Amino acid sequence: MPSLVTPALAPGSLARLTQPEIDGHGVRLRPWRRDDGPAVVAGYADPAIRRWHCRSMTLDEARSWIDTWPRRWRSETGAGWAVVDADNPGGVLGQISLRRLDLAEGLAEVSYWVLPAARGRRVAPSALTALARWSFTVLRLHRVELAHSTANPASCRVAERAGFAAEGTKRAEALHTDGWHDMHLHARLASDGTGGPVAPAAEGERPVPTR
C-alpha cells in the first residue's frame, strides 16, 4: 500500500555521501580507523561509560565494531565518528554516532561517550553541536534526539549546552544492569537553527556519557 506522505529524505541520501571529517569547537569528528581499537576498549572498560552503555569489548570485538560503521553508512542505518582534538587528530577523546536512523522520517538518535582523560573540556557538547549542525545542513535531517537515564543529570547539561531541548520523560524505557530506567528525552529540530560554538568548560565540570 503506497504511503500518502512524501519521505523526508529519499533513499540514498546518506549512502551517496562520503563520510566527512566534521570540525567543531576545539574538536574534530573523523571516521573510525582500525588502529583506534585500544581507545574503544578503554572506553567500554571505563566504569562511568559502562554504567550507561552496558557493554564491554575485547580488542578483536572493538575492531569488529569499528568495521561495522562503513557498512552501516552504506546501508543508511547509522553513522559513527571518533571524536579527536582538532589539533591532534591521532588521539581519540571519545565517540559520537547517529543511531536508529530513519531517512523517511528525517530522524536519528545521537549517542556519545568521552574518555576519562578528556572530561572537563566540554568535548561532548562541542561534538554534539558539530554533529547536529552537519545533520541538519548537509544530511538534511528534520529531527535529532538524545535520550539518557534520569539518573544521569550530567547528560542533561550536555544536551542543553548543545541546544537539545528537554521534551519529557519516557517511563521505564531502558533496561540497565540494575533494572529499568526512566529516560529523559531531548531533541533538536532543523528549524531550531544550527547553533554556535560551545563556551569553555567551567573548572571541575566533568561530562558523563549519555544513556
N, C-alpha and C. Protein backbone atom coordinates (compact mmCIF):
# COMPACT_ATOMS: atom_id res chain seq x y z
N MET A 1 0.85 -1.19 0.00
CA MET A 1 0.00 0.00 0.00
C MET A 1 0.89 1.25 0.00
N PRO A 2 0.78 2.09 -0.99
CA PRO A 2 1.66 3.26 -1.07
C PRO A 2 1.35 4.27 0.03
N SER A 3 2.41 4.90 0.51
CA SER A 3 2.25 5.95 1.51
C SER A 3 1.75 7.22 0.84
N LEU A 4 0.92 7.96 1.56
CA LEU A 4 0.44 9.24 1.06
C LEU A 4 1.37 10.39 1.47
N VAL A 5 2.41 10.06 2.25
CA VAL A 5 3.34 11.08 2.74
C VAL A 5 4.66 10.96 2.00
N THR A 6 5.14 12.04 1.46
CA THR A 6 6.44 12.04 0.80
C THR A 6 7.54 11.89 1.85
N PRO A 7 8.49 10.96 1.67
CA PRO A 7 9.56 10.79 2.65
C PRO A 7 10.32 12.10 2.89
N ALA A 8 10.73 12.30 4.13
CA ALA A 8 11.52 13.49 4.45
C ALA A 8 12.82 13.50 3.66
N LEU A 9 13.45 12.32 3.53
CA LEU A 9 14.68 12.18 2.77
C LEU A 9 14.57 10.93 1.90
N ALA A 10 15.04 11.02 0.69
CA ALA A 10 14.97 9.89 -0.23
C ALA A 10 16.01 8.84 0.12
N PRO A 11 15.74 7.57 -0.19
CA PRO A 11 16.78 6.55 -0.04
C PRO A 11 18.03 6.96 -0.81
N GLY A 12 19.18 6.71 -0.21
CA GLY A 12 20.44 7.10 -0.83
C GLY A 12 20.97 8.43 -0.36
N SER A 13 20.19 9.15 0.44
CA SER A 13 20.62 10.48 0.88
C SER A 13 21.89 10.44 1.71
N LEU A 14 22.08 9.36 2.48
CA LEU A 14 23.33 9.20 3.24
C LEU A 14 24.37 8.44 2.44
N ALA A 15 23.97 7.33 1.83
CA ALA A 15 24.94 6.46 1.16
C ALA A 15 25.66 7.16 0.01
N ARG A 16 25.03 8.14 -0.60
CA ARG A 16 25.68 8.84 -1.71
C ARG A 16 26.80 9.75 -1.24
N LEU A 17 26.83 10.06 0.06
CA LEU A 17 27.84 10.95 0.61
C LEU A 17 29.08 10.16 1.02
N THR A 18 30.23 10.77 0.92
CA THR A 18 31.45 10.24 1.53
C THR A 18 31.48 10.71 2.98
N GLN A 19 31.72 9.78 3.91
CA GLN A 19 31.71 10.19 5.31
C GLN A 19 32.78 11.25 5.55
N PRO A 20 32.38 12.41 6.07
CA PRO A 20 33.32 13.51 6.20
C PRO A 20 34.01 13.56 7.56
N GLU A 21 35.03 14.36 7.65
CA GLU A 21 35.51 14.86 8.93
C GLU A 21 34.74 16.14 9.22
N ILE A 22 34.31 16.30 10.47
CA ILE A 22 33.47 17.43 10.86
C ILE A 22 34.19 18.21 11.94
N ASP A 23 34.42 19.47 11.71
CA ASP A 23 35.11 20.31 12.69
C ASP A 23 34.12 20.96 13.63
N GLY A 24 34.47 20.98 14.92
CA GLY A 24 33.68 21.65 15.94
C GLY A 24 34.57 22.58 16.75
N HIS A 25 34.05 23.05 17.86
CA HIS A 25 34.77 23.98 18.72
C HIS A 25 35.85 23.22 19.50
N GLY A 26 37.06 23.18 18.95
CA GLY A 26 38.17 22.50 19.60
C GLY A 26 38.23 21.01 19.37
N VAL A 27 37.27 20.47 18.63
CA VAL A 27 37.24 19.03 18.37
C VAL A 27 37.06 18.78 16.88
N ARG A 28 37.35 17.57 16.49
CA ARG A 28 37.09 17.11 15.12
C ARG A 28 36.45 15.73 15.20
N LEU A 29 35.46 15.51 14.38
CA LEU A 29 34.85 14.19 14.24
C LEU A 29 35.42 13.57 12.97
N ARG A 30 36.04 12.42 13.10
CA ARG A 30 36.61 11.74 11.93
C ARG A 30 36.15 10.30 11.90
N PRO A 31 36.11 9.68 10.72
CA PRO A 31 35.75 8.26 10.64
C PRO A 31 36.71 7.41 11.47
N TRP A 32 36.19 6.31 11.99
CA TRP A 32 37.00 5.39 12.78
C TRP A 32 38.07 4.72 11.92
N ARG A 33 39.21 4.42 12.58
CA ARG A 33 40.28 3.65 11.97
C ARG A 33 40.47 2.38 12.79
N ARG A 34 40.96 1.33 12.15
CA ARG A 34 41.14 0.06 12.87
C ARG A 34 42.13 0.20 14.02
N ASP A 35 43.12 1.11 13.87
CA ASP A 35 44.08 1.26 14.96
C ASP A 35 43.53 2.09 16.12
N ASP A 36 42.26 2.50 16.04
CA ASP A 36 41.59 3.12 17.18
C ASP A 36 41.06 2.09 18.16
N GLY A 37 41.23 0.80 17.85
CA GLY A 37 40.68 -0.25 18.69
C GLY A 37 40.99 -0.11 20.17
N PRO A 38 42.25 0.15 20.57
CA PRO A 38 42.55 0.28 22.00
C PRO A 38 41.76 1.39 22.69
N ALA A 39 41.48 2.48 21.99
CA ALA A 39 40.69 3.55 22.59
C ALA A 39 39.25 3.11 22.83
N VAL A 40 38.71 2.30 21.91
CA VAL A 40 37.35 1.78 22.09
C VAL A 40 37.31 0.82 23.28
N VAL A 41 38.32 -0.04 23.39
CA VAL A 41 38.41 -0.95 24.54
C VAL A 41 38.46 -0.15 25.83
N ALA A 42 39.28 0.90 25.86
CA ALA A 42 39.41 1.73 27.06
C ALA A 42 38.09 2.41 27.40
N GLY A 43 37.37 2.85 26.37
CA GLY A 43 36.08 3.48 26.63
C GLY A 43 35.11 2.55 27.31
N TYR A 44 34.96 1.36 26.77
CA TYR A 44 33.98 0.44 27.34
C TYR A 44 34.48 -0.27 28.59
N ALA A 45 35.75 -0.03 28.96
CA ALA A 45 36.26 -0.53 30.24
C ALA A 45 36.07 0.49 31.36
N ASP A 46 35.77 1.73 31.00
CA ASP A 46 35.60 2.79 32.00
C ASP A 46 34.28 2.61 32.73
N PRO A 47 34.27 2.59 34.06
CA PRO A 47 33.03 2.34 34.80
C PRO A 47 31.92 3.34 34.48
N ALA A 48 32.26 4.61 34.29
CA ALA A 48 31.23 5.62 34.02
C ALA A 48 30.58 5.39 32.66
N ILE A 49 31.36 4.96 31.68
CA ILE A 49 30.80 4.65 30.36
C ILE A 49 30.03 3.33 30.40
N ARG A 50 30.63 2.34 31.03
CA ARG A 50 29.98 1.02 31.08
C ARG A 50 28.65 1.09 31.81
N ARG A 51 28.54 1.96 32.81
CA ARG A 51 27.29 2.05 33.56
C ARG A 51 26.11 2.37 32.65
N TRP A 52 26.33 3.26 31.69
CA TRP A 52 25.22 3.70 30.85
C TRP A 52 25.14 2.96 29.53
N HIS A 53 26.26 2.46 29.03
CA HIS A 53 26.24 1.76 27.74
C HIS A 53 26.17 0.24 27.90
N CYS A 54 26.41 -0.25 29.11
CA CYS A 54 26.12 -1.64 29.48
C CYS A 54 26.78 -2.66 28.55
N ARG A 55 28.07 -2.45 28.27
CA ARG A 55 28.79 -3.42 27.45
C ARG A 55 30.28 -3.30 27.74
N SER A 56 31.00 -4.35 27.37
CA SER A 56 32.46 -4.33 27.39
C SER A 56 32.95 -4.90 26.07
N MET A 57 34.24 -4.71 25.76
CA MET A 57 34.78 -5.18 24.48
C MET A 57 36.21 -5.65 24.64
N THR A 58 36.53 -6.73 23.94
CA THR A 58 37.92 -7.11 23.74
C THR A 58 38.46 -6.30 22.56
N LEU A 59 39.76 -6.40 22.32
CA LEU A 59 40.34 -5.68 21.19
C LEU A 59 39.77 -6.18 19.87
N ASP A 60 39.62 -7.50 19.73
CA ASP A 60 39.04 -8.03 18.49
C ASP A 60 37.60 -7.54 18.31
N GLU A 61 36.85 -7.51 19.41
CA GLU A 61 35.47 -7.02 19.32
C GLU A 61 35.43 -5.54 18.97
N ALA A 62 36.37 -4.78 19.51
CA ALA A 62 36.42 -3.35 19.20
C ALA A 62 36.71 -3.13 17.72
N ARG A 63 37.63 -3.91 17.18
CA ARG A 63 37.94 -3.77 15.75
C ARG A 63 36.75 -4.18 14.89
N SER A 64 36.04 -5.22 15.31
CA SER A 64 34.83 -5.62 14.58
C SER A 64 33.77 -4.52 14.65
N TRP A 65 33.65 -3.89 15.82
CA TRP A 65 32.71 -2.78 16.00
C TRP A 65 33.07 -1.63 15.07
N ILE A 66 34.36 -1.30 14.99
CA ILE A 66 34.81 -0.26 14.07
C ILE A 66 34.46 -0.62 12.63
N ASP A 67 34.63 -1.90 12.28
CA ASP A 67 34.35 -2.35 10.91
C ASP A 67 32.87 -2.23 10.54
N THR A 68 31.98 -2.19 11.54
CA THR A 68 30.55 -2.10 11.23
C THR A 68 30.16 -0.73 10.69
N TRP A 69 30.93 0.30 11.04
CA TRP A 69 30.46 1.65 10.71
C TRP A 69 30.41 1.94 9.22
N PRO A 70 31.40 1.55 8.41
CA PRO A 70 31.23 1.76 6.96
C PRO A 70 30.02 1.02 6.39
N ARG A 71 29.75 -0.19 6.91
CA ARG A 71 28.59 -0.94 6.44
C ARG A 71 27.29 -0.24 6.83
N ARG A 72 27.25 0.28 8.04
CA ARG A 72 26.04 0.96 8.49
C ARG A 72 25.81 2.25 7.69
N TRP A 73 26.90 2.90 7.33
CA TRP A 73 26.77 4.09 6.48
C TRP A 73 26.16 3.71 5.14
N ARG A 74 26.71 2.66 4.52
CA ARG A 74 26.21 2.26 3.20
C ARG A 74 24.76 1.79 3.26
N SER A 75 24.39 1.13 4.35
CA SER A 75 23.01 0.65 4.49
C SER A 75 22.08 1.71 5.07
N GLU A 76 22.63 2.86 5.41
CA GLU A 76 21.87 4.00 5.91
C GLU A 76 21.12 3.68 7.20
N THR A 77 21.79 2.92 8.07
CA THR A 77 21.21 2.58 9.37
C THR A 77 21.91 3.29 10.52
N GLY A 78 23.05 3.93 10.26
CA GLY A 78 23.77 4.63 11.32
C GLY A 78 25.05 5.22 10.79
N ALA A 79 25.66 6.06 11.62
CA ALA A 79 26.92 6.72 11.26
C ALA A 79 27.69 7.01 12.53
N GLY A 80 28.97 6.64 12.56
CA GLY A 80 29.77 6.82 13.77
C GLY A 80 31.09 7.50 13.49
N TRP A 81 31.53 8.31 14.44
CA TRP A 81 32.78 9.04 14.33
C TRP A 81 33.59 8.90 15.62
N ALA A 82 34.90 8.90 15.48
CA ALA A 82 35.79 9.13 16.61
C ALA A 82 35.86 10.63 16.84
N VAL A 83 35.81 11.03 18.11
CA VAL A 83 35.98 12.44 18.46
C VAL A 83 37.44 12.64 18.85
N VAL A 84 38.11 13.57 18.20
CA VAL A 84 39.53 13.81 18.44
C VAL A 84 39.76 15.29 18.68
N ASP A 85 40.92 15.61 19.22
CA ASP A 85 41.32 17.01 19.40
C ASP A 85 41.56 17.62 18.02
N ALA A 86 41.06 18.82 17.80
CA ALA A 86 41.22 19.45 16.49
C ALA A 86 42.68 19.64 16.11
N ASP A 87 43.55 19.78 17.12
CA ASP A 87 44.97 19.99 16.85
C ASP A 87 45.78 18.70 16.92
N ASN A 88 45.14 17.60 17.31
CA ASN A 88 45.84 16.32 17.44
C ASN A 88 44.89 15.20 17.04
N PRO A 89 44.61 15.07 15.74
CA PRO A 89 43.58 14.12 15.30
C PRO A 89 43.94 12.66 15.46
N GLY A 90 45.15 12.36 15.93
CA GLY A 90 45.51 10.97 16.12
C GLY A 90 44.96 10.36 17.39
N GLY A 91 44.82 11.17 18.43
CA GLY A 91 44.38 10.66 19.72
C GLY A 91 42.88 10.75 19.89
N VAL A 92 42.23 9.65 20.29
CA VAL A 92 40.77 9.61 20.43
C VAL A 92 40.37 10.17 21.80
N LEU A 93 39.41 11.09 21.80
CA LEU A 93 38.84 11.64 23.02
C LEU A 93 37.53 10.96 23.39
N GLY A 94 36.83 10.44 22.39
CA GLY A 94 35.53 9.83 22.65
C GLY A 94 34.90 9.38 21.34
N GLN A 95 33.61 9.11 21.40
CA GLN A 95 32.88 8.70 20.20
C GLN A 95 31.54 9.39 20.17
N ILE A 96 31.00 9.54 18.96
CA ILE A 96 29.65 10.07 18.79
C ILE A 96 29.05 9.41 17.55
N SER A 97 27.77 9.12 17.60
CA SER A 97 27.15 8.39 16.50
C SER A 97 25.69 8.78 16.34
N LEU A 98 25.21 8.58 15.12
CA LEU A 98 23.79 8.65 14.82
C LEU A 98 23.26 7.23 14.75
N ARG A 99 22.26 6.92 15.56
CA ARG A 99 21.68 5.59 15.60
C ARG A 99 20.20 5.70 15.24
N ARG A 100 19.59 4.53 15.05
CA ARG A 100 18.15 4.48 14.75
C ARG A 100 17.80 5.49 13.64
N LEU A 101 18.63 5.51 12.64
CA LEU A 101 18.47 6.46 11.54
C LEU A 101 17.28 6.07 10.68
N ASP A 102 16.38 6.99 10.47
CA ASP A 102 15.18 6.77 9.66
C ASP A 102 15.06 7.93 8.67
N LEU A 103 15.56 7.71 7.46
CA LEU A 103 15.57 8.78 6.48
C LEU A 103 14.15 9.20 6.08
N ALA A 104 13.26 8.24 5.99
CA ALA A 104 11.89 8.58 5.59
C ALA A 104 11.25 9.57 6.55
N GLU A 105 11.59 9.44 7.84
CA GLU A 105 11.06 10.35 8.86
C GLU A 105 12.00 11.52 9.13
N GLY A 106 13.20 11.50 8.53
CA GLY A 106 14.18 12.56 8.78
C GLY A 106 14.65 12.58 10.22
N LEU A 107 14.83 11.39 10.80
CA LEU A 107 15.02 11.26 12.25
C LEU A 107 16.24 10.41 12.57
N ALA A 108 16.96 10.77 13.64
CA ALA A 108 18.04 9.94 14.16
C ALA A 108 18.17 10.21 15.65
N GLU A 109 18.81 9.26 16.35
CA GLU A 109 19.14 9.43 17.77
C GLU A 109 20.65 9.49 17.90
N VAL A 110 21.14 10.38 18.73
CA VAL A 110 22.58 10.52 18.90
C VAL A 110 23.03 9.84 20.20
N SER A 111 24.20 9.24 20.14
CA SER A 111 24.82 8.60 21.31
C SER A 111 26.28 9.03 21.35
N TYR A 112 26.82 9.15 22.56
CA TYR A 112 28.22 9.57 22.68
C TYR A 112 28.81 9.07 23.98
N TRP A 113 30.14 9.06 24.06
CA TRP A 113 30.85 8.98 25.33
C TRP A 113 32.19 9.68 25.19
N VAL A 114 32.77 10.05 26.34
CA VAL A 114 34.05 10.75 26.38
C VAL A 114 34.96 10.01 27.34
N LEU A 115 36.20 9.77 26.91
CA LEU A 115 37.17 9.08 27.75
C LEU A 115 37.52 9.91 28.98
N PRO A 116 37.87 9.26 30.09
CA PRO A 116 38.13 9.99 31.34
C PRO A 116 39.13 11.13 31.20
N ALA A 117 40.22 10.92 30.48
CA ALA A 117 41.26 11.95 30.38
C ALA A 117 40.79 13.20 29.65
N ALA A 118 39.70 13.09 28.88
CA ALA A 118 39.21 14.23 28.10
C ALA A 118 38.03 14.93 28.75
N ARG A 119 37.58 14.47 29.89
CA ARG A 119 36.42 15.07 30.54
C ARG A 119 36.79 16.42 31.16
N GLY A 120 35.79 17.26 31.32
CA GLY A 120 36.01 18.58 31.87
C GLY A 120 36.40 19.62 30.85
N ARG A 121 36.36 19.27 29.56
CA ARG A 121 36.76 20.20 28.49
C ARG A 121 35.60 20.50 27.53
N ARG A 122 34.43 20.10 27.90
CA ARG A 122 33.23 20.25 27.06
C ARG A 122 33.39 19.61 25.69
N VAL A 123 34.09 18.48 25.68
CA VAL A 123 34.22 17.71 24.44
C VAL A 123 32.85 17.25 23.96
N ALA A 124 32.02 16.75 24.88
CA ALA A 124 30.72 16.19 24.48
C ALA A 124 29.81 17.24 23.86
N PRO A 125 29.55 18.39 24.51
CA PRO A 125 28.66 19.36 23.85
C PRO A 125 29.24 19.94 22.57
N SER A 126 30.57 20.06 22.49
CA SER A 126 31.18 20.56 21.25
C SER A 126 30.96 19.57 20.11
N ALA A 127 31.17 18.27 20.39
CA ALA A 127 30.96 17.25 19.37
C ALA A 127 29.49 17.16 18.98
N LEU A 128 28.62 17.25 19.98
CA LEU A 128 27.19 17.16 19.73
C LEU A 128 26.70 18.34 18.88
N THR A 129 27.19 19.52 19.17
CA THR A 129 26.83 20.70 18.38
C THR A 129 27.29 20.55 16.94
N ALA A 130 28.53 20.07 16.76
CA ALA A 130 29.07 19.90 15.40
C ALA A 130 28.29 18.86 14.61
N LEU A 131 27.95 17.74 15.26
CA LEU A 131 27.21 16.69 14.55
C LEU A 131 25.80 17.15 14.21
N ALA A 132 25.15 17.86 15.13
CA ALA A 132 23.81 18.37 14.84
C ALA A 132 23.85 19.33 13.65
N ARG A 133 24.85 20.20 13.62
CA ARG A 133 24.96 21.16 12.52
C ARG A 133 25.10 20.42 11.18
N TRP A 134 25.96 19.41 11.14
CA TRP A 134 26.13 18.64 9.90
C TRP A 134 24.84 17.89 9.55
N SER A 135 24.20 17.31 10.54
CA SER A 135 22.98 16.52 10.30
C SER A 135 21.89 17.36 9.67
N PHE A 136 21.81 18.63 10.07
CA PHE A 136 20.76 19.50 9.55
C PHE A 136 21.14 20.20 8.25
N THR A 137 22.40 20.58 8.11
CA THR A 137 22.78 21.39 6.94
C THR A 137 23.28 20.57 5.76
N VAL A 138 23.81 19.37 6.02
CA VAL A 138 24.33 18.53 4.94
C VAL A 138 23.41 17.34 4.69
N LEU A 139 23.19 16.51 5.71
CA LEU A 139 22.30 15.37 5.53
C LEU A 139 20.85 15.80 5.41
N ARG A 140 20.50 16.91 6.04
CA ARG A 140 19.15 17.49 5.98
C ARG A 140 18.13 16.70 6.80
N LEU A 141 18.56 16.16 7.93
CA LEU A 141 17.60 15.57 8.84
C LEU A 141 16.64 16.64 9.36
N HIS A 142 15.47 16.18 9.79
CA HIS A 142 14.46 17.06 10.38
C HIS A 142 14.61 17.15 11.90
N ARG A 143 14.99 16.02 12.53
CA ARG A 143 14.98 15.95 13.99
C ARG A 143 16.08 15.00 14.46
N VAL A 144 16.82 15.41 15.49
CA VAL A 144 17.82 14.56 16.13
C VAL A 144 17.48 14.49 17.62
N GLU A 145 17.40 13.27 18.14
CA GLU A 145 17.03 13.06 19.54
C GLU A 145 18.22 12.60 20.36
N LEU A 146 18.16 12.86 21.65
CA LEU A 146 19.14 12.36 22.62
C LEU A 146 18.36 11.91 23.84
N ALA A 147 18.58 10.66 24.26
CA ALA A 147 17.92 10.13 25.45
C ALA A 147 18.97 9.68 26.45
N HIS A 148 18.69 9.90 27.73
CA HIS A 148 19.62 9.46 28.77
C HIS A 148 18.84 9.13 30.03
N SER A 149 19.43 8.32 30.88
CA SER A 149 18.80 7.95 32.13
C SER A 149 18.55 9.18 33.00
N THR A 150 17.43 9.18 33.70
CA THR A 150 17.16 10.26 34.64
C THR A 150 18.15 10.27 35.80
N ALA A 151 18.90 9.17 35.96
CA ALA A 151 19.94 9.10 36.98
C ALA A 151 21.26 9.69 36.49
N ASN A 152 21.27 10.25 35.30
CA ASN A 152 22.48 10.80 34.68
C ASN A 152 22.26 12.28 34.36
N PRO A 153 22.19 13.14 35.39
CA PRO A 153 21.87 14.55 35.14
C PRO A 153 22.93 15.29 34.33
N ALA A 154 24.18 14.80 34.35
CA ALA A 154 25.22 15.49 33.56
C ALA A 154 24.88 15.48 32.08
N SER A 155 24.20 14.43 31.62
CA SER A 155 23.82 14.39 30.20
C SER A 155 22.75 15.42 29.88
N CYS A 156 21.94 15.80 30.88
CA CYS A 156 21.00 16.91 30.66
C CYS A 156 21.77 18.18 30.35
N ARG A 157 22.84 18.43 31.09
CA ARG A 157 23.61 19.65 30.87
C ARG A 157 24.29 19.63 29.50
N VAL A 158 24.81 18.47 29.11
CA VAL A 158 25.41 18.35 27.78
C VAL A 158 24.37 18.67 26.70
N ALA A 159 23.19 18.06 26.82
CA ALA A 159 22.14 18.27 25.83
C ALA A 159 21.74 19.74 25.74
N GLU A 160 21.56 20.36 26.89
CA GLU A 160 21.12 21.76 26.90
C GLU A 160 22.18 22.68 26.29
N ARG A 161 23.46 22.41 26.59
CA ARG A 161 24.53 23.25 26.03
C ARG A 161 24.62 23.12 24.51
N ALA A 162 24.18 21.99 24.00
CA ALA A 162 24.22 21.77 22.55
C ALA A 162 22.90 22.13 21.88
N GLY A 163 21.98 22.74 22.62
CA GLY A 163 20.73 23.20 22.03
C GLY A 163 19.65 22.16 21.91
N PHE A 164 19.76 21.04 22.65
CA PHE A 164 18.75 19.98 22.62
C PHE A 164 17.75 20.24 23.74
N ALA A 165 16.54 20.63 23.37
CA ALA A 165 15.53 20.97 24.35
C ALA A 165 15.00 19.73 25.06
N ALA A 166 14.74 19.85 26.35
CA ALA A 166 14.12 18.77 27.11
C ALA A 166 12.65 18.66 26.71
N GLU A 167 12.21 17.44 26.40
CA GLU A 167 10.84 17.25 25.93
C GLU A 167 9.98 16.41 26.87
N GLY A 168 10.60 15.65 27.78
CA GLY A 168 9.79 14.84 28.67
C GLY A 168 10.54 13.61 29.15
N THR A 169 9.80 12.72 29.82
CA THR A 169 10.36 11.51 30.41
C THR A 169 9.66 10.28 29.85
N LYS A 170 10.46 9.33 29.37
CA LYS A 170 9.92 8.04 28.92
C LYS A 170 10.07 7.05 30.07
N ARG A 171 8.97 6.57 30.59
CA ARG A 171 8.99 5.75 31.79
C ARG A 171 9.50 4.34 31.51
N ALA A 172 10.44 3.89 32.36
CA ALA A 172 10.98 2.52 32.29
C ALA A 172 11.30 2.12 30.85
N GLU A 173 12.03 2.97 30.17
CA GLU A 173 12.25 2.78 28.72
C GLU A 173 13.51 2.00 28.40
N ALA A 174 14.51 2.00 29.30
CA ALA A 174 15.79 1.35 29.00
C ALA A 174 16.17 0.39 30.13
N LEU A 175 16.58 -0.81 29.74
CA LEU A 175 16.98 -1.82 30.72
C LEU A 175 18.48 -1.74 30.93
N HIS A 176 18.90 -1.42 32.15
CA HIS A 176 20.30 -1.37 32.53
C HIS A 176 20.60 -2.56 33.45
N THR A 177 21.85 -2.66 33.87
CA THR A 177 22.24 -3.80 34.71
C THR A 177 21.53 -3.79 36.06
N ASP A 178 21.08 -2.62 36.51
CA ASP A 178 20.37 -2.53 37.79
C ASP A 178 18.86 -2.41 37.62
N GLY A 179 18.36 -2.70 36.43
CA GLY A 179 16.92 -2.67 36.22
C GLY A 179 16.50 -1.61 35.21
N TRP A 180 15.20 -1.35 35.18
CA TRP A 180 14.64 -0.41 34.20
C TRP A 180 14.87 1.03 34.65
N HIS A 181 15.25 1.86 33.68
CA HIS A 181 15.47 3.28 33.95
C HIS A 181 14.48 4.13 33.17
N ASP A 182 13.94 5.15 33.86
CA ASP A 182 13.24 6.21 33.14
C ASP A 182 14.28 6.99 32.34
N MET A 183 13.86 7.49 31.18
CA MET A 183 14.79 8.20 30.31
C MET A 183 14.27 9.60 30.00
N HIS A 184 15.15 10.58 30.15
CA HIS A 184 14.84 11.93 29.69
C HIS A 184 15.04 11.99 28.17
N LEU A 185 14.11 12.62 27.49
CA LEU A 185 14.20 12.80 26.05
C LEU A 185 14.49 14.27 25.74
N HIS A 186 15.54 14.50 24.97
CA HIS A 186 15.87 15.82 24.44
C HIS A 186 15.84 15.73 22.92
N ALA A 187 15.61 16.84 22.27
CA ALA A 187 15.62 16.83 20.80
C ALA A 187 15.97 18.21 20.27
N ARG A 188 16.47 18.18 19.07
CA ARG A 188 16.76 19.42 18.35
C ARG A 188 16.20 19.27 16.95
N LEU A 189 15.56 20.32 16.46
CA LEU A 189 14.96 20.33 15.13
C LEU A 189 15.79 21.18 14.18
N ALA A 190 15.70 20.86 12.90
CA ALA A 190 16.38 21.68 11.90
C ALA A 190 15.94 23.13 12.00
N SER A 191 14.68 23.35 12.33
CA SER A 191 14.14 24.71 12.43
C SER A 191 14.63 25.46 13.65
N ASP A 192 15.32 24.76 14.58
CA ASP A 192 15.88 25.44 15.76
C ASP A 192 17.12 26.25 15.42
N GLY A 193 17.70 26.04 14.23
CA GLY A 193 18.94 26.71 13.86
C GLY A 193 20.12 25.81 14.13
N THR A 194 21.27 26.19 13.58
CA THR A 194 22.46 25.33 13.67
C THR A 194 23.28 25.59 14.91
N GLY A 195 23.08 26.67 15.62
CA GLY A 195 23.81 26.92 16.85
C GLY A 195 25.23 27.38 16.61
N GLY A 196 25.87 27.84 17.68
CA GLY A 196 27.23 28.35 17.60
C GLY A 196 28.18 27.56 18.46
N PRO A 197 29.39 28.06 18.65
CA PRO A 197 30.38 27.34 19.45
C PRO A 197 29.98 27.24 20.90
N VAL A 198 30.47 26.19 21.56
CA VAL A 198 30.18 25.95 22.96
C VAL A 198 31.19 26.70 23.80
N ALA A 199 30.74 27.29 24.89
CA ALA A 199 31.62 28.04 25.78
C ALA A 199 32.64 27.13 26.44
N PRO A 200 33.80 27.66 26.88
CA PRO A 200 34.80 26.84 27.56
C PRO A 200 34.23 26.21 28.82
N ALA A 201 34.82 25.10 29.23
CA ALA A 201 34.35 24.37 30.41
C ALA A 201 34.63 25.16 31.66
N ALA A 202 33.70 25.12 32.59
CA ALA A 202 33.95 25.66 33.92
C ALA A 202 34.81 24.70 34.70
N GLU A 203 35.62 25.22 35.59
CA GLU A 203 36.54 24.38 36.35
C GLU A 203 35.77 23.32 37.13
N GLY A 204 36.22 22.08 37.02
CA GLY A 204 35.63 20.99 37.78
C GLY A 204 34.47 20.30 37.10
N GLU A 205 33.99 20.81 35.97
CA GLU A 205 32.88 20.17 35.28
C GLU A 205 33.37 18.95 34.52
N ARG A 206 32.66 17.83 34.66
CA ARG A 206 33.09 16.59 34.03
C ARG A 206 31.87 15.92 33.42
N PRO A 207 31.72 15.97 32.10
CA PRO A 207 30.56 15.36 31.46
C PRO A 207 30.53 13.85 31.65
N VAL A 208 29.34 13.31 31.76
CA VAL A 208 29.12 11.88 31.92
C VAL A 208 28.49 11.35 30.65
N PRO A 209 28.82 10.12 30.22
CA PRO A 209 28.29 9.61 28.96
C PRO A 209 26.77 9.58 28.92
N THR A 210 26.23 9.69 27.71
CA THR A 210 24.80 9.58 27.53
C THR A 210 24.31 8.17 27.81
N ARG A 211 23.00 8.04 27.91
CA ARG A 211 22.30 6.80 28.22
C ARG A 211 22.50 6.47 29.70
